[in-house]
N, C-alpha and C. Protein backbone atom coordinates (compact mmCIF):
# COMPACT_ATOMS: atom_id res chain seq x y z
N UNK A 1 5.60 16.36 -34.64
CA UNK A 1 4.78 17.01 -33.55
C UNK A 1 4.88 18.67 -34.11
N UNK A 2 3.65 19.19 -34.25
CA UNK A 2 3.35 20.57 -34.73
C UNK A 2 2.35 21.12 -33.97
N UNK A 3 2.51 22.32 -33.26
CA UNK A 3 1.45 22.76 -32.26
C UNK A 3 1.30 24.23 -32.89
N UNK A 4 0.10 24.71 -33.39
CA UNK A 4 -0.27 25.90 -33.76
C UNK A 4 -0.89 26.58 -32.70
N UNK A 5 -0.83 28.14 -32.56
CA UNK A 5 -1.27 28.76 -31.59
C UNK A 5 -1.60 30.12 -32.31
N UNK A 6 -2.83 30.59 -32.05
CA UNK A 6 -2.92 32.23 -32.72
C UNK A 6 -3.35 33.34 -31.40
N UNK A 7 -3.40 34.22 -31.76
CA UNK A 7 -3.77 35.46 -31.18
C UNK A 7 -4.41 36.67 -32.27
N UNK A 8 -4.81 37.48 -32.11
CA UNK A 8 -5.55 38.52 -32.82
C UNK A 8 -5.34 39.78 -32.12
N UNK A 9 -5.07 40.63 -32.94
CA UNK A 9 -5.02 42.17 -32.34
C UNK A 9 -5.85 43.16 -33.13
N UNK A 10 -6.63 44.09 -32.93
CA UNK A 10 -7.21 45.08 -33.64
C UNK A 10 -6.52 46.55 -32.84
N UNK A 11 -6.70 47.42 -33.95
CA UNK A 11 -6.18 48.75 -33.58
C UNK A 11 -7.05 49.78 -34.27
N UNK A 12 -7.29 50.91 -33.58
CA UNK A 12 -8.29 51.81 -34.41
C UNK A 12 -7.53 53.07 -33.76
N UNK A 13 -7.64 53.88 -34.86
CA UNK A 13 -7.07 55.30 -34.47
C UNK A 13 -5.44 55.51 -34.89
N UNK A 14 -5.31 56.72 -34.62
CA UNK A 14 -3.77 57.19 -34.75
C UNK A 14 -2.88 56.21 -33.59
N UNK A 15 -1.66 56.44 -33.71
CA UNK A 15 -0.77 55.93 -32.67
C UNK A 15 -1.18 56.49 -31.18
N UNK A 16 -0.96 57.65 -31.00
CA UNK A 16 -0.80 58.32 -29.60
C UNK A 16 -2.36 58.27 -29.08
N UNK A 17 -3.53 58.62 -30.01
CA UNK A 17 -4.75 58.53 -29.19
C UNK A 17 -5.79 57.20 -29.75
N UNK A 18 -5.23 56.42 -30.53
CA UNK A 18 -6.04 54.96 -31.07
C UNK A 18 -5.95 54.30 -29.78
N UNK A 19 -6.74 53.34 -29.71
CA UNK A 19 -6.76 52.08 -29.12
C UNK A 19 -6.98 50.68 -29.75
N UNK A 20 -6.12 49.94 -28.85
CA UNK A 20 -6.41 48.50 -29.62
C UNK A 20 -6.91 47.40 -28.69
N UNK A 21 -7.20 46.25 -28.91
CA UNK A 21 -7.64 45.21 -27.93
C UNK A 21 -6.91 43.75 -28.56
N UNK A 22 -6.99 43.22 -27.84
CA UNK A 22 -6.15 41.48 -28.09
C UNK A 22 -6.62 40.47 -27.71
N UNK A 23 -7.03 39.32 -28.39
CA UNK A 23 -7.43 38.26 -27.82
C UNK A 23 -6.43 36.96 -28.12
N UNK A 24 -6.62 35.90 -27.41
CA UNK A 24 -5.94 34.63 -27.62
C UNK A 24 -7.02 33.56 -28.10
N UNK A 25 -6.42 32.61 -28.72
CA UNK A 25 -7.16 31.71 -29.02
C UNK A 25 -7.99 31.20 -27.88
N UNK A 26 -7.50 30.70 -26.99
CA UNK A 26 -7.85 30.27 -25.71
C UNK A 26 -9.27 31.26 -24.89
N UNK A 27 -9.31 32.35 -25.30
CA UNK A 27 -10.14 33.35 -24.72
C UNK A 27 -9.63 33.48 -23.13
N UNK A 28 -8.24 33.44 -22.96
CA UNK A 28 -7.83 33.84 -21.74
C UNK A 28 -7.76 35.42 -21.67
N UNK A 29 -7.33 35.94 -22.97
CA UNK A 29 -7.38 37.29 -23.32
C UNK A 29 -8.45 37.52 -23.89
N UNK A 30 -9.43 38.24 -23.75
CA UNK A 30 -10.55 38.28 -24.68
C UNK A 30 -10.83 39.87 -24.88
N UNK A 31 -10.38 40.58 -26.06
CA UNK A 31 -10.52 42.02 -25.98
C UNK A 31 -9.92 42.89 -24.93
N UNK A 32 -8.92 42.41 -24.83
CA UNK A 32 -7.77 42.78 -23.86
C UNK A 32 -7.26 44.20 -24.16
N UNK A 33 -7.74 45.47 -23.76
CA UNK A 33 -7.19 46.67 -24.25
C UNK A 33 -5.66 47.05 -23.95
N UNK A 34 -5.44 47.70 -25.19
CA UNK A 34 -3.59 48.04 -25.06
C UNK A 34 -4.04 49.50 -25.99
N UNK A 35 -2.83 50.39 -25.50
CA UNK A 35 -3.04 51.74 -25.85
C UNK A 35 -1.34 52.30 -26.10
N UNK A 36 -1.32 53.32 -26.91
CA UNK A 36 0.06 54.06 -26.32
C UNK A 36 0.56 54.35 -24.93
N UNK A 37 -0.77 54.74 -24.27
CA UNK A 37 -0.29 54.97 -22.73
C UNK A 37 -0.09 53.72 -22.37
N UNK A 38 -0.43 52.55 -22.51
CA UNK A 38 -0.06 51.28 -21.69
C UNK A 38 1.18 50.66 -22.14
N UNK A 39 1.73 51.36 -23.36
CA UNK A 39 2.78 50.69 -23.82
C UNK A 39 4.04 51.61 -23.52
N UNK A 40 3.78 53.06 -23.55
CA UNK A 40 4.75 53.98 -23.27
C UNK A 40 4.68 54.71 -22.12
N UNK A 41 3.62 54.98 -21.75
CA UNK A 41 3.33 55.38 -20.11
C UNK A 41 3.06 54.82 -19.10
N UNK A 42 2.27 55.39 -18.25
CA UNK A 42 2.10 54.71 -16.84
C UNK A 42 0.67 54.23 -16.54
N UNK A 43 -0.15 54.12 -17.83
CA UNK A 43 -1.50 53.71 -17.46
C UNK A 43 -1.44 52.17 -17.51
N UNK A 44 -2.06 51.23 -16.57
CA UNK A 44 -2.18 50.42 -16.04
C UNK A 44 -3.32 49.61 -16.70
N UNK A 45 -4.26 50.41 -17.29
CA UNK A 45 -5.48 49.80 -17.55
C UNK A 45 -5.50 49.21 -19.11
N UNK A 46 -4.79 48.17 -18.98
CA UNK A 46 -4.40 47.32 -20.05
C UNK A 46 -3.01 47.10 -20.29
N UNK A 47 -2.84 46.18 -21.47
CA UNK A 47 -1.32 45.54 -21.65
C UNK A 47 -0.65 46.34 -22.55
N UNK A 48 0.62 45.34 -23.13
CA UNK A 48 1.28 45.86 -23.96
C UNK A 48 2.26 44.86 -24.47
N UNK A 49 2.80 44.97 -25.69
CA UNK A 49 3.18 43.98 -26.39
C UNK A 49 4.54 43.21 -25.48
N UNK A 50 5.22 44.25 -24.91
CA UNK A 50 6.35 43.91 -24.18
C UNK A 50 5.91 43.12 -23.06
N UNK A 51 4.89 43.57 -22.43
CA UNK A 51 4.28 42.91 -21.35
C UNK A 51 3.94 41.11 -21.76
N UNK A 52 3.20 41.12 -22.66
CA UNK A 52 2.88 39.84 -23.23
C UNK A 52 4.10 39.01 -23.48
N UNK A 53 5.32 39.77 -23.78
CA UNK A 53 6.45 38.90 -24.18
C UNK A 53 7.24 38.36 -22.98
N UNK A 54 7.13 39.26 -21.97
CA UNK A 54 7.76 39.15 -20.76
C UNK A 54 6.99 37.91 -20.22
N UNK A 55 5.66 37.69 -20.24
CA UNK A 55 4.85 36.75 -19.64
C UNK A 55 5.15 35.52 -20.39
N UNK A 56 5.18 35.29 -21.39
CA UNK A 56 5.49 34.22 -22.16
C UNK A 56 6.44 33.82 -21.92
N UNK A 57 7.80 34.56 -21.71
CA UNK A 57 9.27 34.18 -21.50
C UNK A 57 9.31 33.69 -19.98
N UNK A 58 8.82 34.28 -19.18
CA UNK A 58 8.57 33.74 -17.66
C UNK A 58 7.40 32.36 -17.89
N UNK A 59 6.76 32.14 -18.41
CA UNK A 59 6.04 31.15 -18.27
C UNK A 59 6.55 29.92 -19.20
N UNK A 60 7.11 30.14 -20.20
CA UNK A 60 8.21 28.95 -20.91
C UNK A 60 9.39 28.57 -20.17
N UNK A 61 10.01 29.56 -19.61
CA UNK A 61 11.04 29.14 -18.70
C UNK A 61 10.84 28.43 -17.57
N UNK A 62 9.68 28.82 -16.76
CA UNK A 62 9.22 27.85 -15.75
C UNK A 62 8.91 26.57 -16.04
N UNK A 63 8.18 26.41 -17.32
CA UNK A 63 7.94 25.04 -17.55
C UNK A 63 8.99 24.37 -18.06
N UNK A 64 9.97 24.77 -18.83
CA UNK A 64 11.08 24.13 -19.30
C UNK A 64 12.35 23.76 -18.10
N UNK A 65 12.12 24.80 -17.25
CA UNK A 65 13.14 24.35 -15.68
C UNK A 65 12.74 23.44 -14.89
N UNK A 66 11.44 23.36 -14.90
CA UNK A 66 10.53 22.23 -14.09
C UNK A 66 10.56 20.86 -15.12
N UNK A 67 10.74 20.68 -15.88
CA UNK A 67 10.84 19.60 -16.84
C UNK A 67 12.34 19.20 -16.34
N UNK A 68 13.28 19.90 -16.64
CA UNK A 68 14.68 19.58 -16.46
C UNK A 68 14.92 18.99 -15.32
N UNK A 69 14.57 20.00 -14.16
CA UNK A 69 14.68 19.47 -12.80
C UNK A 69 13.84 18.08 -12.54
N UNK A 70 12.66 17.81 -13.21
CA UNK A 70 11.97 16.62 -12.99
C UNK A 70 12.40 15.49 -13.42
N UNK A 71 13.32 15.74 -14.91
CA UNK A 71 13.76 14.71 -15.66
C UNK A 71 15.37 14.11 -14.88
N UNK A 72 15.85 15.16 -14.32
CA UNK A 72 17.04 14.87 -13.40
C UNK A 72 16.51 14.28 -11.84
N UNK A 73 15.48 13.82 -11.76
CA UNK A 73 14.80 13.40 -10.49
C UNK A 73 14.48 14.23 -9.41
N UNK A 74 14.30 15.68 -9.56
CA UNK A 74 14.07 16.52 -8.63
C UNK A 74 12.94 17.24 -8.83
N UNK A 75 11.88 16.90 -8.97
CA UNK A 75 10.45 17.56 -9.34
C UNK A 75 10.41 18.59 -8.72
N UNK A 76 10.13 19.78 -8.99
CA UNK A 76 10.18 21.15 -7.90
C UNK A 76 8.53 21.25 -7.33
N UNK A 77 8.72 21.52 -6.08
CA UNK A 77 7.35 22.04 -5.75
C UNK A 77 6.65 23.15 -6.29
N UNK A 78 7.55 24.26 -6.69
CA UNK A 78 7.20 25.49 -7.10
C UNK A 78 8.11 26.14 -7.92
N UNK A 79 8.35 26.70 -9.11
CA UNK A 79 9.14 27.62 -9.83
C UNK A 79 8.49 28.72 -10.07
N UNK A 80 8.86 29.99 -9.70
CA UNK A 80 8.41 31.00 -9.70
C UNK A 80 9.32 32.02 -10.43
N UNK A 81 8.96 32.50 -11.72
CA UNK A 81 9.59 33.30 -12.39
C UNK A 81 9.31 34.54 -12.84
N UNK A 82 10.21 35.75 -12.92
CA UNK A 82 9.78 36.80 -13.07
C UNK A 82 10.99 37.22 -14.44
N UNK A 83 10.20 37.83 -15.47
CA UNK A 83 10.80 38.41 -16.54
C UNK A 83 10.83 39.84 -16.48
N UNK A 84 11.88 40.66 -16.74
CA UNK A 84 11.92 42.17 -16.79
C UNK A 84 12.57 42.44 -17.88
N UNK A 85 11.65 42.89 -18.93
CA UNK A 85 11.92 43.14 -20.39
C UNK A 85 12.32 44.73 -19.99
N UNK A 86 13.37 44.89 -20.77
CA UNK A 86 13.98 46.44 -21.25
C UNK A 86 13.86 46.83 -22.66
N UNK A 87 13.35 47.89 -22.87
CA UNK A 87 12.96 48.30 -24.39
C UNK A 87 13.83 49.55 -24.52
N UNK A 88 14.55 49.92 -25.60
CA UNK A 88 15.53 51.04 -25.25
C UNK A 88 14.96 51.67 -26.92
N UNK A 89 15.28 53.21 -26.96
CA UNK A 89 15.11 53.99 -27.95
C UNK A 89 16.40 53.95 -29.10
N UNK A 90 16.61 53.47 -30.00
CA UNK A 90 17.83 53.81 -30.73
C UNK A 90 17.54 54.71 -31.90
N UNK A 91 18.72 54.88 -32.63
CA UNK A 91 18.28 55.65 -33.79
C UNK A 91 17.48 55.27 -34.94
N UNK A 92 17.43 53.95 -34.87
CA UNK A 92 16.48 53.29 -35.67
C UNK A 92 15.23 52.80 -35.14
N UNK A 93 14.83 53.46 -33.98
CA UNK A 93 13.33 53.07 -33.21
C UNK A 93 13.88 52.59 -32.00
N UNK A 94 12.75 51.90 -31.42
CA UNK A 94 12.47 51.11 -30.28
C UNK A 94 12.92 49.51 -30.69
N UNK A 95 13.79 49.05 -29.66
CA UNK A 95 14.04 47.94 -29.66
C UNK A 95 14.20 47.16 -28.21
N UNK A 96 13.52 45.68 -28.31
CA UNK A 96 13.59 44.93 -27.03
C UNK A 96 15.08 44.48 -26.84
N UNK A 97 15.70 45.29 -25.80
CA UNK A 97 17.18 44.87 -25.55
C UNK A 97 17.87 44.18 -24.65
N UNK A 98 16.86 43.81 -23.77
CA UNK A 98 17.24 42.91 -22.63
C UNK A 98 16.29 42.44 -22.07
N UNK A 99 16.67 40.93 -21.50
CA UNK A 99 15.21 40.49 -20.77
C UNK A 99 16.43 39.83 -19.61
N UNK A 100 15.74 39.83 -18.20
CA UNK A 100 16.50 39.36 -17.15
C UNK A 100 15.44 38.59 -16.14
N UNK A 101 15.86 37.24 -16.22
CA UNK A 101 14.69 36.08 -15.76
C UNK A 101 15.51 36.31 -14.14
N UNK A 102 14.40 36.19 -13.33
CA UNK A 102 14.83 36.24 -11.72
C UNK A 102 13.81 34.98 -11.43
N UNK A 103 14.47 33.74 -11.10
CA UNK A 103 13.43 32.57 -10.64
C UNK A 103 13.92 31.94 -9.42
N UNK A 104 13.06 31.69 -8.55
CA UNK A 104 13.45 30.84 -7.10
C UNK A 104 12.43 29.58 -7.39
N UNK A 105 13.33 28.88 -6.87
CA UNK A 105 12.83 27.07 -7.20
C UNK A 105 12.77 26.48 -5.75
N UNK A 106 11.60 25.98 -5.46
CA UNK A 106 11.43 24.86 -4.38
C UNK A 106 11.55 23.88 -4.89
N UNK A 107 12.76 23.29 -4.33
CA UNK A 107 13.33 22.08 -4.93
C UNK A 107 13.85 20.97 -3.88
N UNK A 108 13.66 19.82 -3.47
CA UNK A 108 14.32 19.12 -2.47
C UNK A 108 15.21 18.06 -3.33
N UNK A 109 16.19 17.79 -2.31
CA UNK A 109 17.16 16.96 -3.08
C UNK A 109 18.44 17.46 -4.03
N UNK A 110 18.24 18.51 -4.18
CA UNK A 110 19.25 19.03 -5.28
C UNK A 110 20.27 20.06 -4.39
N UNK A 111 21.68 20.05 -5.19
CA UNK A 111 22.33 21.30 -4.42
C UNK A 111 22.28 22.02 -5.23
N UNK A 112 22.83 23.49 -4.84
CA UNK A 112 22.63 24.70 -5.58
C UNK A 112 23.64 24.52 -6.89
N UNK A 113 24.71 23.68 -7.09
CA UNK A 113 25.43 23.68 -8.21
C UNK A 113 24.43 23.38 -9.34
N UNK A 114 24.06 22.15 -8.86
CA UNK A 114 22.89 21.23 -10.06
C UNK A 114 22.06 22.16 -10.29
N UNK A 115 21.21 22.89 -9.49
CA UNK A 115 20.24 23.71 -9.74
C UNK A 115 20.66 25.01 -10.57
N UNK A 116 21.76 25.56 -10.51
CA UNK A 116 22.14 26.65 -11.26
C UNK A 116 22.54 26.11 -12.60
N UNK A 117 23.17 25.05 -13.08
CA UNK A 117 23.34 24.54 -14.01
C UNK A 117 22.02 24.05 -15.12
N UNK A 118 21.25 23.54 -14.04
CA UNK A 118 19.84 23.27 -14.71
C UNK A 118 19.04 24.55 -15.07
N UNK A 119 19.19 25.66 -14.17
CA UNK A 119 18.44 26.72 -14.81
C UNK A 119 19.18 27.58 -15.61
N UNK A 120 20.47 27.21 -16.17
CA UNK A 120 21.24 27.93 -17.23
C UNK A 120 20.66 26.95 -18.45
N UNK A 121 20.66 26.06 -18.47
CA UNK A 121 20.21 25.16 -19.49
C UNK A 121 18.85 25.26 -19.85
N UNK A 122 17.83 25.79 -18.97
CA UNK A 122 16.54 25.90 -19.16
C UNK A 122 16.43 27.32 -19.87
N UNK A 123 17.39 28.54 -19.35
CA UNK A 123 17.60 29.63 -19.96
C UNK A 123 17.64 29.52 -21.48
N UNK A 124 18.56 28.95 -21.71
CA UNK A 124 19.32 28.71 -23.05
C UNK A 124 18.46 27.69 -23.90
N UNK A 125 17.60 26.88 -23.27
CA UNK A 125 17.11 25.88 -24.07
C UNK A 125 15.34 26.36 -24.15
N UNK A 126 14.90 26.85 -23.45
CA UNK A 126 13.34 27.20 -23.62
C UNK A 126 13.00 27.66 -24.97
N UNK A 127 11.79 27.39 -25.75
CA UNK A 127 11.49 27.95 -27.30
C UNK A 127 11.50 29.53 -27.04
N UNK A 128 10.98 30.14 -25.98
CA UNK A 128 10.85 31.63 -26.07
C UNK A 128 12.47 32.34 -26.10
N UNK A 129 13.43 31.79 -25.01
CA UNK A 129 14.48 31.95 -25.19
C UNK A 129 15.02 32.16 -26.76
N UNK A 130 14.99 31.16 -27.15
CA UNK A 130 15.64 30.49 -28.18
C UNK A 130 15.26 31.49 -29.40
N UNK A 131 13.88 31.85 -29.33
CA UNK A 131 13.18 33.05 -30.37
C UNK A 131 13.83 34.27 -30.26
N UNK A 132 14.06 34.52 -28.76
CA UNK A 132 14.28 35.99 -28.70
C UNK A 132 15.78 36.26 -28.44
N UNK A 133 16.50 35.39 -28.34
CA UNK A 133 17.90 35.64 -27.68
C UNK A 133 18.78 36.29 -29.04
N UNK A 134 18.44 35.72 -30.27
CA UNK A 134 19.39 36.48 -31.16
C UNK A 134 19.10 37.72 -31.68
N UNK A 135 18.02 38.60 -31.30
CA UNK A 135 17.97 40.06 -31.08
C UNK A 135 18.28 40.86 -30.10
N UNK A 136 18.30 40.19 -28.83
CA UNK A 136 18.58 40.61 -27.53
C UNK A 136 20.05 41.12 -27.58
N UNK A 137 20.25 42.30 -26.83
CA UNK A 137 21.83 42.49 -26.52
C UNK A 137 22.14 41.50 -25.17
N UNK A 138 21.24 41.30 -24.36
CA UNK A 138 21.43 40.69 -23.17
C UNK A 138 20.40 39.72 -22.84
N UNK A 139 20.57 38.58 -22.25
CA UNK A 139 19.55 37.97 -21.44
C UNK A 139 20.15 37.31 -20.07
N UNK A 140 19.93 37.70 -19.29
CA UNK A 140 20.76 37.42 -17.71
C UNK A 140 19.41 36.72 -17.10
N UNK A 141 20.15 36.18 -15.85
CA UNK A 141 19.28 35.47 -15.20
C UNK A 141 19.92 35.30 -13.79
N UNK A 142 18.78 35.14 -12.57
CA UNK A 142 19.41 35.27 -11.22
C UNK A 142 18.31 34.02 -10.94
N UNK A 143 18.96 32.94 -10.38
CA UNK A 143 18.29 31.76 -10.07
C UNK A 143 18.53 31.35 -8.30
N UNK A 144 17.61 31.15 -7.48
CA UNK A 144 17.72 31.26 -6.14
C UNK A 144 16.92 29.74 -5.73
N UNK A 145 17.63 28.94 -5.16
CA UNK A 145 17.13 27.80 -4.54
C UNK A 145 16.63 27.75 -3.27
N UNK A 146 15.14 27.27 -2.96
CA UNK A 146 14.83 27.24 -1.74
C UNK A 146 14.43 25.86 -1.38
N UNK A 147 14.71 25.66 -0.14
CA UNK A 147 14.40 24.16 0.02
C UNK A 147 13.41 24.28 1.15
């Protein structure tokens, strides 16, 4: 089985004063703006590549974790994950260095040890983690079980 997805980005102008927009195949993002200021500054009127990567990682992890919990007989009521991405400036330029996943699961009938082990497997196994991990300096996680 093969799944293909696509997105498009358009950039106009130079790096600092130019502007771009991005759209996804599903049109969930449609001409969503991004700029130097939304990436490196504090302008919240648009998105940036790192925010989109963090969203993809949080989404992928939550789905993988939910599947693994369900496969073990503990379907979650909810898995809520925040991915915090850190980009650092190096001598070679900017680099996505770290991602920290913070997840809270509402799951009945599972003890914390099994919950933590399943979260660890999901962190290592979700497709976005597999893609990003070789380039990251650190991929960490905090998992909290709520009953």
